[in-house]
């Protein structure tokens, strides 16, 4: 499984598309300004209809997380959390087959 979702955010209540995540994933955020808060959400609930906040950021960041189950994630700005400017976000799960990696000894 691999892929990424991106979104340029210029208003509150704006999220990326959902992406299926299992294993390590990357979070990239640039352009946070004027009090904007970006939130990463994970699908939860017994029936999988609710999204719950996993983490939030008020500064540009490059980080990663780990998800043990196959679950939908999204990233964006909730209602009341947008300040000014344009914030660009990315949530990615780029996996590659380790058998093709080149190792230096």
Protein backbone atom coordinates (compact mmCIF):
# COMPACT_ATOMS: atom_id res chain seq x y z
CA UNK A 1 0.00 0.00 0.00
CA UNK A 2 1.35 3.43 -0.81
CA UNK A 3 0.14 6.84 -1.71
CA UNK A 4 -0.30 10.35 -0.48
CA UNK A 5 -2.94 13.03 -0.10
CA UNK A 6 -2.22 16.74 -0.31
CA UNK A 7 -4.31 19.86 0.16
CA UNK A 8 -3.82 23.63 -0.03
CA UNK A 9 -5.95 25.07 2.75
CA UNK A 10 -7.30 28.63 2.67
CA UNK A 11 -10.34 28.30 4.96
CA UNK A 12 -11.61 26.53 8.05
CA UNK A 13 -13.31 23.12 7.89
CA UNK A 14 -11.07 21.98 5.02
CA UNK A 15 -9.52 18.51 4.96
CA UNK A 16 -7.61 16.32 2.55
CA UNK A 17 -9.19 13.26 1.02
CA UNK A 18 -9.03 10.19 3.23
CA UNK A 19 -6.13 7.75 2.85
CA UNK A 20 -5.82 4.17 4.09
CA UNK A 21 -2.85 3.93 6.47
CA UNK A 22 -1.14 0.92 8.01
CA UNK A 23 2.42 1.10 9.26
CA UNK A 24 4.56 4.23 9.12
CA UNK A 25 3.22 7.42 7.56
CA UNK A 26 4.61 10.91 6.97
CA UNK A 27 3.08 14.26 7.89
CA UNK A 28 4.30 17.41 6.12
CA UNK A 29 2.91 20.88 6.82
CA UNK A 30 4.14 24.23 5.44
CA UNK A 31 2.71 27.73 5.50
CA UNK A 32 1.02 27.74 8.90
CA UNK A 33 0.37 31.40 9.81
CA UNK A 34 -1.87 33.69 11.79
CA UNK A 35 -3.10 31.19 14.37
CA UNK A 36 -3.91 28.29 12.04
CA UNK A 37 -3.97 24.84 13.66
CA UNK A 38 -3.68 21.72 11.47
CA UNK A 39 -5.18 18.47 12.76
CA UNK A 40 -4.54 14.84 11.79
CA UNK A 41 -7.59 12.62 12.27
CA UNK A 42 -8.07 8.83 12.40
CA UNK A 43 -11.30 6.95 11.64
CA UNK A 44 -12.66 5.41 14.84
CA UNK A 45 -15.81 4.00 16.34
CA UNK A 46 -17.25 0.54 16.25
CA UNK A 47 -18.85 1.18 12.87
CA UNK A 48 -15.99 3.36 11.56
CA UNK A 49 -18.06 6.48 10.99
CA UNK A 50 -16.32 8.90 13.37
CA UNK A 51 -12.99 10.70 12.92
CA UNK A 52 -10.99 11.39 16.08
CA UNK A 53 -8.10 13.86 16.47
CA UNK A 54 -4.71 12.12 16.61
CA UNK A 55 -2.40 15.14 16.69
CA UNK A 56 -2.41 18.86 15.93
CA UNK A 57 0.24 21.35 14.83
CA UNK A 58 0.57 25.15 15.03
CA UNK A 59 3.97 25.35 13.30
CA UNK A 60 5.36 23.99 10.03
CA UNK A 61 6.52 20.43 10.57
CA UNK A 62 7.95 17.25 9.06
CA UNK A 63 7.21 14.22 11.20
CA UNK A 64 5.92 10.67 11.05
CA UNK A 65 3.58 8.34 12.87
CA UNK A 66 2.79 4.65 13.08
CA UNK A 67 -0.59 2.97 12.70
CA UNK A 68 -0.81 -0.76 13.55
CA UNK A 69 -4.24 -1.28 11.93
CA UNK A 70 -5.51 -0.50 8.45
CA UNK A 71 -7.46 2.70 9.13
CA UNK A 72 -8.49 5.83 7.21
CA UNK A 73 -6.69 9.10 8.04
CA UNK A 74 -7.12 12.69 6.88
CA UNK A 75 -5.37 16.01 7.57
CA UNK A 76 -6.75 19.53 7.60
CA UNK A 77 -8.09 22.51 9.52
CA UNK A 78 -11.18 22.21 11.70
CA UNK A 79 -13.87 24.85 12.08
CA UNK A 80 -12.52 27.78 14.11
CA UNK A 81 -8.85 26.78 13.61
CA UNK A 82 -7.97 28.81 10.49
CA UNK A 83 -5.94 32.00 10.78
CA UNK A 84 -4.56 33.51 7.57
CA UNK A 85 -2.69 32.63 4.40
CA UNK A 86 -2.41 29.30 2.62
CA UNK A 87 -1.32 26.19 4.47
CA UNK A 88 -0.16 23.16 2.46
CA UNK A 89 -0.46 19.71 4.01
CA UNK A 90 0.57 16.19 2.98
CA UNK A 91 -0.10 12.78 4.52
CA UNK A 92 1.85 9.99 2.84
CA UNK A 93 2.44 6.26 3.06
CA UNK A 94 5.18 5.63 0.54
CA UNK A 95 6.30 2.04 1.13
CA UNK A 96 8.95 0.33 -0.95
CA UNK A 97 10.06 -3.26 -1.03
CA UNK A 98 13.17 -3.44 1.14
CA UNK A 99 14.59 -6.25 -0.97
CA UNK A 100 15.46 -3.64 -3.61
CA UNK A 101 17.37 -1.37 -1.22
CA UNK A 102 21.12 -0.98 -1.65
CA UNK A 103 23.15 -1.24 1.53
CA UNK A 104 26.64 0.15 2.06
CA UNK A 105 28.92 -1.86 4.38
